[in-house]
């Protein structure tokens, strides 16, 4: 059975922490960029939760929210019609799926190492 992305991420984190403890050297590997934990703003936390998540999980949860609430435009599925919660994130009533990451970035804070 395949591991979920969350389980795989936790396993990688445990392995990296063990390596740091054993060797005293910093961990290398995929713990930066899209897999690095980020903290959502209060507005974004209403959608994805207040826990730190990898950026990829934040995007996935926002898409789950969009699909659950049927917020994609009926004629142009690339457009997202924001409800009250998403309007706080986007700053406007409608945004394209390509703009979404730009708006999300403004609501994410990277953890300081």
C-alpha atoms as a PDB file:
ATOM      1  CA  UNK A   1       0.000   0.000   0.000  1.00  0.00           C
ATOM      2  CA  UNK A   2       1.346   3.417  -0.947  1.00  0.00           C
ATOM      3  CA  UNK A   3       2.170   5.936   1.754  1.00  0.00           C
ATOM      4  CA  UNK A   4       0.314   9.238   1.835  1.00  0.00           C
ATOM      5  CA  UNK A   5       2.293  12.397   1.161  1.00  0.00           C
ATOM      6  CA  UNK A   6       1.830  13.457   4.791  1.00  0.00           C
ATOM      7  CA  UNK A   7       3.126  10.112   6.136  1.00  0.00           C
ATOM      8  CA  UNK A   8       6.071  10.178   3.716  1.00  0.00           C
ATOM      9  CA  UNK A   9       6.917  13.740   4.808  1.00  0.00           C
ATOM     10  CA  UNK A  10       6.823  12.759   8.492  1.00  0.00           C
ATOM     11  CA  UNK A  11       9.068   9.758   7.814  1.00  0.00           C
ATOM     12  CA  UNK A  12      11.557  11.970   5.945  1.00  0.00           C
ATOM     13  CA  UNK A  13      11.562  14.461   8.809  1.00  0.00           C
ATOM     14  CA  UNK A  14      12.204  11.726  11.397  1.00  0.00           C
ATOM     15  CA  UNK A  15      15.058  10.328   9.288  1.00  0.00           C
ATOM     16  CA  UNK A  16      16.600  13.774   8.877  1.00  0.00           C
ATOM     17  CA  UNK A  17      16.339  14.512  12.614  1.00  0.00           C
ATOM     18  CA  UNK A  18      17.971  11.149  13.412  1.00  0.00           C
ATOM     19  CA  UNK A  19      20.805  11.872  10.963  1.00  0.00           C
ATOM     20  CA  UNK A  20      21.430  15.287  12.548  1.00  0.00           C
ATOM     21  CA  UNK A  21      21.461  13.731  16.021  1.00  0.00           C
ATOM     22  CA  UNK A  22      23.799  10.890  14.986  1.00  0.00           C
ATOM     23  CA  UNK A  23      26.258  12.903  12.887  1.00  0.00           C
ATOM     24  CA  UNK A  24      25.969  16.404  14.314  1.00  0.00           C
ATOM     25  CA  UNK A  25      25.790  17.700  10.720  1.00  0.00           C
ATOM     26  CA  UNK A  26      22.797  19.507   9.249  1.00  0.00           C
ATOM     27  CA  UNK A  27      20.337  17.428   7.254  1.00  0.00           C
ATOM     28  CA  UNK A  28      20.344  17.633   3.500  1.00  0.00           C
ATOM     29  CA  UNK A  29      17.689  16.611   1.044  1.00  0.00           C
ATOM     30  CA  UNK A  30      14.207  17.765   0.165  1.00  0.00           C
ATOM     31  CA  UNK A  31      13.291  19.823   3.226  1.00  0.00           C
ATOM     32  CA  UNK A  32      13.254  23.216   1.533  1.00  0.00           C
ATOM     33  CA  UNK A  33      11.252  24.838  -1.215  1.00  0.00           C
ATOM     34  CA  UNK A  34       7.822  23.335  -1.720  1.00  0.00           C
ATOM     35  CA  UNK A  35       8.279  20.772   1.092  1.00  0.00           C
ATOM     36  CA  UNK A  36       9.397  23.293   3.725  1.00  0.00           C
ATOM     37  CA  UNK A  37       6.736  23.939   6.394  1.00  0.00           C
ATOM     38  CA  UNK A  38       5.031  27.331   6.176  1.00  0.00           C
ATOM     39  CA  UNK A  39       2.670  29.097   8.553  1.00  0.00           C
ATOM     40  CA  UNK A  40      -0.650  30.318   7.096  1.00  0.00           C
ATOM     41  CA  UNK A  41      -2.026  33.772   7.930  1.00  0.00           C
ATOM     42  CA  UNK A  42      -5.211  34.016  10.011  1.00  0.00           C
ATOM     43  CA  UNK A  43      -7.310  34.524   6.853  1.00  0.00           C
ATOM     44  CA  UNK A  44      -5.784  31.511   5.095  1.00  0.00           C
ATOM     45  CA  UNK A  45      -6.019  29.419   8.287  1.00  0.00           C
ATOM     46  CA  UNK A  46      -9.834  29.618   7.986  1.00  0.00           C
ATOM     47  CA  UNK A  47      -9.474  27.431   4.881  1.00  0.00           C
ATOM     48  CA  UNK A  48      -6.410  25.218   5.485  1.00  0.00           C
ATOM     49  CA  UNK A  49      -6.167  25.136   9.279  1.00  0.00           C
ATOM     50  CA  UNK A  50      -3.704  26.869  11.590  1.00  0.00           C
ATOM     51  CA  UNK A  51      -1.012  24.146  11.618  1.00  0.00           C
ATOM     52  CA  UNK A  52       2.261  24.527   9.719  1.00  0.00           C
ATOM     53  CA  UNK A  53       2.085  22.692   6.397  1.00  0.00           C
ATOM     54  CA  UNK A  54       4.273  22.229   3.334  1.00  0.00           C
ATOM     55  CA  UNK A  55       3.394  24.727   0.591  1.00  0.00           C
ATOM     56  CA  UNK A  56       2.197  21.849  -1.623  1.00  0.00           C
ATOM     57  CA  UNK A  57      -0.330  20.768   1.035  1.00  0.00           C
ATOM     58  CA  UNK A  58      -1.622  24.352   1.365  1.00  0.00           C
ATOM     59  CA  UNK A  59      -2.322  24.471  -2.380  1.00  0.00           C
ATOM     60  CA  UNK A  60      -4.017  21.049  -2.225  1.00  0.00           C
ATOM     61  CA  UNK A  61      -6.258  22.112   0.654  1.00  0.00           C
ATOM     62  CA  UNK A  62      -7.228  25.348  -1.118  1.00  0.00           C
ATOM     63  CA  UNK A  63      -8.195  23.313  -4.208  1.00  0.00           C
ATOM     64  CA  UNK A  64     -10.245  20.937  -2.022  1.00  0.00           C
ATOM     65  CA  UNK A  65     -12.054  23.985  -0.600  1.00  0.00           C
ATOM     66  CA  UNK A  66     -12.662  25.426  -4.099  1.00  0.00           C
ATOM     67  CA  UNK A  67     -14.079  22.146  -5.397  1.00  0.00           C
ATOM     68  CA  UNK A  68     -16.137  21.443  -2.257  1.00  0.00           C
ATOM     69  CA  UNK A  69     -17.813  24.858  -2.498  1.00  0.00           C
ATOM     70  CA  UNK A  70     -18.094  24.758  -6.328  1.00  0.00           C
ATOM     71  CA  UNK A  71     -16.181  28.013  -6.795  1.00  0.00           C
ATOM     72  CA  UNK A  72     -14.795  27.357 -10.283  1.00  0.00           C
ATOM     73  CA  UNK A  73     -16.519  29.411 -12.984  1.00  0.00           C
ATOM     74  CA  UNK A  74     -19.010  27.307 -14.968  1.00  0.00           C
ATOM     75  CA  UNK A  75     -17.921  28.633 -18.384  1.00  0.00           C
ATOM     76  CA  UNK A  76     -14.177  29.024 -17.756  1.00  0.00           C
ATOM     77  CA  UNK A  77     -12.956  26.421 -15.230  1.00  0.00           C
ATOM     78  CA  UNK A  78      -9.612  28.267 -14.973  1.00  0.00           C
ATOM     79  CA  UNK A  79     -11.360  31.137 -13.178  1.00  0.00           C
ATOM     80  CA  UNK A  80     -12.100  30.916  -9.461  1.00  0.00           C
ATOM     81  CA  UNK A  81     -15.078  32.890  -8.161  1.00  0.00           C
ATOM     82  CA  UNK A  82     -14.107  33.816  -4.628  1.00  0.00           C
ATOM     83  CA  UNK A  83     -16.495  33.518  -1.700  1.00  0.00           C
ATOM     84  CA  UNK A  84     -15.983  35.699   1.396  1.00  0.00           C
ATOM     85  CA  UNK A  85     -13.066  33.630   2.729  1.00  0.00           C
ATOM     86  CA  UNK A  86     -11.200  33.449  -0.587  1.00  0.00           C
ATOM     87  CA  UNK A  87     -11.842  37.122  -1.317  1.00  0.00           C
ATOM     88  CA  UNK A  88      -9.734  37.945   1.774  1.00  0.00           C
ATOM     89  CA  UNK A  89      -6.895  35.902   0.206  1.00  0.00           C
ATOM     90  CA  UNK A  90      -7.245  37.085  -3.407  1.00  0.00           C
ATOM     91  CA  UNK A  91      -8.192  40.685  -2.649  1.00  0.00           C
ATOM     92  CA  UNK A  92     -10.830  40.523  -5.391  1.00  0.00           C
ATOM     93  CA  UNK A  93     -13.966  38.591  -6.390  1.00  0.00           C
ATOM     94  CA  UNK A  94     -12.366  36.455  -9.102  1.00  0.00           C
ATOM     95  CA  UNK A  95      -8.871  35.152  -9.884  1.00  0.00           C
ATOM     96  CA  UNK A  96      -7.396  32.746 -12.389  1.00  0.00           C
ATOM     97  CA  UNK A  97      -5.942  29.457 -11.228  1.00  0.00           C
ATOM     98  CA  UNK A  98      -2.547  30.740 -12.432  1.00  0.00           C
ATOM     99  CA  UNK A  99      -2.713  33.792 -10.122  1.00  0.00           C
ATOM    100  CA  UNK A 100      -3.706  31.723  -7.097  1.00  0.00           C
ATOM    101  CA  UNK A 101      -0.157  30.822  -5.967  1.00  0.00           C
ATOM    102  CA  UNK A 102       0.874  34.484  -6.080  1.00  0.00           C
ATOM    103  CA  UNK A 103      -1.979  35.389  -3.730  1.00  0.00           C
ATOM    104  CA  UNK A 104      -1.302  32.421  -1.447  1.00  0.00           C
ATOM    105  CA  UNK A 105       2.375  33.389  -1.108  1.00  0.00           C
ATOM    106  CA  UNK A 106       1.389  36.682   0.499  1.00  0.00           C
ATOM    107  CA  UNK A 107      -0.438  34.695   3.217  1.00  0.00           C
ATOM    108  CA  UNK A 108       2.345  32.198   3.990  1.00  0.00           C
ATOM    109  CA  UNK A 109       5.311  32.745   6.308  1.00  0.00           C
ATOM    110  CA  UNK A 110       8.344  30.499   6.046  1.00  0.00           C
ATOM    111  CA  UNK A 111       9.665  29.093   9.310  1.00  0.00           C
ATOM    112  CA  UNK A 112      12.998  30.529  10.402  1.00  0.00           C
ATOM    113  CA  UNK A 113      15.749  27.932  10.625  1.00  0.00           C
END
